[in-house]
Amino acid sequence: MKSCILFMTLIFSFNALSQATYVDPNKRQKKGLLEEGEVPVQQVAAVAASNTPKLSKKLQRVCNCEKLSVLMKKKYKKYYSEGREQESISFDYSDYNKFRNEQKTVSKLVKRLRNKYDLEDEDCPYIEYDLAKYKHAKKAVKKQKPMCDVDALM
C-alpha cells in the first residue's frame, strides 16, 4: 500500500514539474497592450463600424419601430413577472393590458410599414437587450419611443 502511494506521488509530482512553462495561478502577470493578438480599441470600433450594413431611411424607420415593439413586449412581460413575484401587491392588470395593447399596436405598425415600403424580406440588425427588471425595460422603451413616432405613423 505504501509503495502504491509513493508511486502515485512520484507520478503527480513528475507531471506537475514537467510542464513546459509553469504559471503560478496566485500571481497575476501583466501583459502589454499589443501582446498576444490584442487589437487596439480604435481598430475594433472601425471594424465594427465597417461590418454594420448601411440601412436605407425606410428600413431604419422600420427597424426603430421593431426595436420598440420588442422592448414593449419585454416591458409588459417583466411587469407581469415582477407582479407575480410580489404576489400582486403593486400589480395592476389594467396597466398590464395597456402595455400589451400598446405593443400590439406597434407590432401592427411594423407590419404595415413593411408592406408599405415592400421590406418583407429585409432583416433588421439584431440587438440583444439585457433588461433584468421592469424599471430597466421602462427606461429603454422611453428612450426608444422618440425614434419611432407611433402616433404620426398610425
Protein backbone atom coordinates (compact mmCIF):
# COMPACT_ATOMS: atom_id res chain seq x y z
CA MET A 1 0.00 0.00 0.00
CA LYS A 2 2.80 2.40 0.86
CA SER A 3 4.52 1.66 -2.41
CA CYS A 4 1.34 2.49 -4.32
CA ILE A 5 1.02 5.86 -2.56
CA LEU A 6 4.69 6.60 -3.17
CA PHE A 7 4.34 5.68 -6.82
CA MET A 8 1.26 7.94 -7.24
CA THR A 9 3.06 10.81 -5.52
CA LEU A 10 6.03 10.46 -7.86
CA ILE A 11 3.78 10.41 -10.93
CA PHE A 12 1.87 13.53 -9.86
CA SER A 13 4.98 15.49 -8.93
CA PHE A 14 6.71 14.48 -12.16
CA ASN A 15 3.64 15.55 -14.14
CA ALA A 16 3.46 18.94 -12.38
CA LEU A 17 7.16 19.68 -12.77
CA SER A 18 7.41 18.56 -16.38
CA GLN A 19 5.22 21.36 -17.72
CA ALA A 20 6.97 23.48 -20.32
CA THR A 21 6.05 26.81 -18.75
CA TYR A 22 4.79 26.86 -15.21
CA VAL A 23 2.49 29.76 -14.39
CA ASP A 24 1.77 30.40 -10.77
CA PRO A 25 -2.02 30.82 -10.54
CA ASN A 26 -1.67 33.01 -7.45
CA LYS A 27 0.36 35.66 -9.25
CA ARG A 28 -1.16 37.90 -11.87
CA GLN A 29 1.05 38.58 -14.83
CA LYS A 30 0.70 41.87 -16.62
CA LYS A 31 0.58 41.92 -20.38
CA GLY A 32 1.37 44.70 -22.75
CA LEU A 33 -1.37 46.37 -24.74
CA LEU A 34 -0.45 44.78 -28.04
CA GLU A 35 0.68 41.36 -26.86
CA GLU A 36 -0.94 38.11 -27.87
CA GLY A 37 -3.20 39.37 -30.61
CA GLU A 38 -4.99 42.07 -28.71
CA VAL A 39 -6.37 44.72 -31.03
CA PRO A 40 -6.46 48.39 -30.06
CA VAL A 41 -9.89 49.83 -29.30
CA GLN A 42 -9.81 52.18 -32.30
CA GLN A 43 -9.34 49.29 -34.71
CA VAL A 44 -12.15 47.32 -33.08
CA ALA A 45 -14.51 50.28 -33.44
CA ALA A 46 -13.50 50.74 -37.09
CA VAL A 47 -14.10 47.06 -37.85
CA ALA A 48 -17.44 47.11 -36.05
CA ALA A 49 -18.50 50.19 -37.99
CA SER A 50 -17.49 48.62 -41.29
CA ASN A 51 -19.35 45.38 -40.50
CA THR A 52 -22.67 47.10 -39.84
CA PRO A 53 -24.71 47.33 -43.00
CA LYS A 54 -25.86 50.72 -44.21
CA LEU A 55 -29.63 50.87 -43.85
CA SER A 56 -31.93 52.93 -46.02
CA LYS A 57 -34.10 55.52 -44.28
CA LYS A 58 -37.21 53.42 -44.78
CA LEU A 59 -35.59 50.33 -43.30
CA GLN A 60 -34.18 52.40 -40.44
CA ARG A 61 -37.68 53.59 -39.58
CA VAL A 62 -38.99 50.02 -39.66
CA CYS A 63 -36.08 48.77 -37.53
CA ASN A 64 -36.59 51.51 -34.95
CA CYS A 65 -40.26 50.59 -34.64
CA GLU A 66 -39.41 46.89 -34.50
CA LYS A 67 -36.96 47.56 -31.64
CA LEU A 68 -39.70 49.49 -29.86
CA SER A 69 -42.07 46.55 -30.32
CA VAL A 70 -39.55 44.12 -28.85
CA LEU A 71 -38.84 46.44 -25.92
CA MET A 72 -42.55 46.90 -25.22
CA LYS A 73 -43.05 43.15 -25.24
CA LYS A 74 -40.22 42.74 -22.73
CA LYS A 75 -41.72 45.58 -20.70
CA TYR A 76 -45.13 44.01 -20.21
CA LYS A 77 -43.62 40.56 -19.60
CA LYS A 78 -41.31 41.99 -16.92
CA TYR A 79 -44.26 43.86 -15.41
CA TYR A 80 -46.26 40.64 -15.22
CA SER A 81 -43.40 38.52 -13.85
CA GLU A 82 -42.47 41.07 -11.17
CA GLY A 83 -46.15 41.37 -10.22
CA ARG A 84 -46.31 37.61 -9.79
CA GLU A 85 -43.14 37.63 -7.68
CA GLN A 86 -44.56 40.33 -5.43
CA GLU A 87 -47.83 38.39 -5.20
CA SER A 88 -49.78 41.18 -6.90
CA ILE A 89 -49.19 43.70 -4.15
CA SER A 90 -48.44 46.51 -6.59
CA PHE A 91 -49.56 44.73 -9.77
CA ASP A 92 -52.45 46.12 -11.78
CA TYR A 93 -53.97 44.13 -14.66
CA SER A 94 -55.28 47.28 -16.33
CA ASP A 95 -51.70 48.55 -16.68
CA TYR A 96 -50.61 45.15 -17.96
CA ASN A 97 -53.36 45.18 -20.60
CA LYS A 98 -52.49 48.76 -21.55
CA PHE A 99 -48.82 47.85 -22.07
CA ARG A 100 -49.82 44.75 -24.04
CA ASN A 101 -52.20 46.71 -26.29
CA GLU A 102 -49.50 49.33 -26.95
CA GLN A 103 -47.12 46.55 -28.01
CA LYS A 104 -49.74 45.04 -30.32
CA THR A 105 -50.31 48.46 -31.90
CA VAL A 106 -46.60 48.92 -32.55
CA SER A 107 -46.24 45.40 -33.99
CA LYS A 108 -49.18 46.11 -36.34
CA LEU A 109 -47.45 49.34 -37.35
CA VAL A 110 -44.25 47.41 -38.14
CA LYS A 111 -46.20 45.01 -40.35
CA ARG A 112 -47.93 47.92 -42.08
CA LEU A 113 -44.64 49.74 -42.70
CA ARG A 114 -43.00 46.58 -44.06
CA ASN A 115 -45.89 46.14 -46.51
CA LYS A 116 -45.96 49.82 -47.42
CA TYR A 117 -42.24 50.03 -48.18
CA ASP A 118 -42.06 46.47 -49.57
CA LEU A 119 -39.46 45.38 -47.00
CA GLU A 120 -40.80 41.92 -46.04
CA ASP A 121 -37.52 40.24 -47.00
CA GLU A 122 -35.24 42.76 -45.28
CA ASP A 123 -33.94 41.95 -41.80
CA CYS A 124 -33.01 44.44 -39.13
CA PRO A 125 -29.70 44.03 -37.28
CA TYR A 126 -30.30 42.03 -34.13
CA ILE A 127 -29.56 43.72 -30.82
CA GLU A 128 -29.83 41.84 -27.56
CA TYR A 129 -31.25 43.78 -24.66
CA ASP A 130 -30.32 42.87 -21.10
CA LEU A 131 -33.33 44.04 -19.13
CA ALA A 132 -33.25 42.46 -15.71
CA LYS A 133 -36.07 44.46 -14.15
CA TYR A 134 -39.24 46.25 -15.16
CA LYS A 135 -37.73 49.68 -14.49
CA HIS A 136 -34.91 48.93 -16.98
CA ALA A 137 -37.44 47.95 -19.63
CA LYS A 138 -39.47 51.08 -18.91
CA LYS A 139 -36.40 53.28 -19.39
CA ALA A 140 -35.46 51.52 -22.63
CA VAL A 141 -38.98 51.99 -24.04
CA LYS A 142 -38.95 55.66 -23.05
CA LYS A 143 -35.62 56.10 -24.83
CA GLN A 144 -36.78 54.26 -27.99
CA LYS A 145 -40.22 55.95 -28.36
CA PRO A 146 -38.96 59.18 -29.98
CA MET A 147 -37.17 57.15 -32.66
CA CYS A 148 -40.45 55.57 -33.75
CA ASP A 149 -43.28 58.11 -33.67
CA VAL A 150 -46.23 55.74 -33.46
CA ASP A 151 -48.91 58.42 -33.34
CA ALA A 152 -47.69 60.12 -36.52
CA LEU A 153 -47.25 56.87 -38.41
CA MET A 154 -50.62 55.35 -37.47
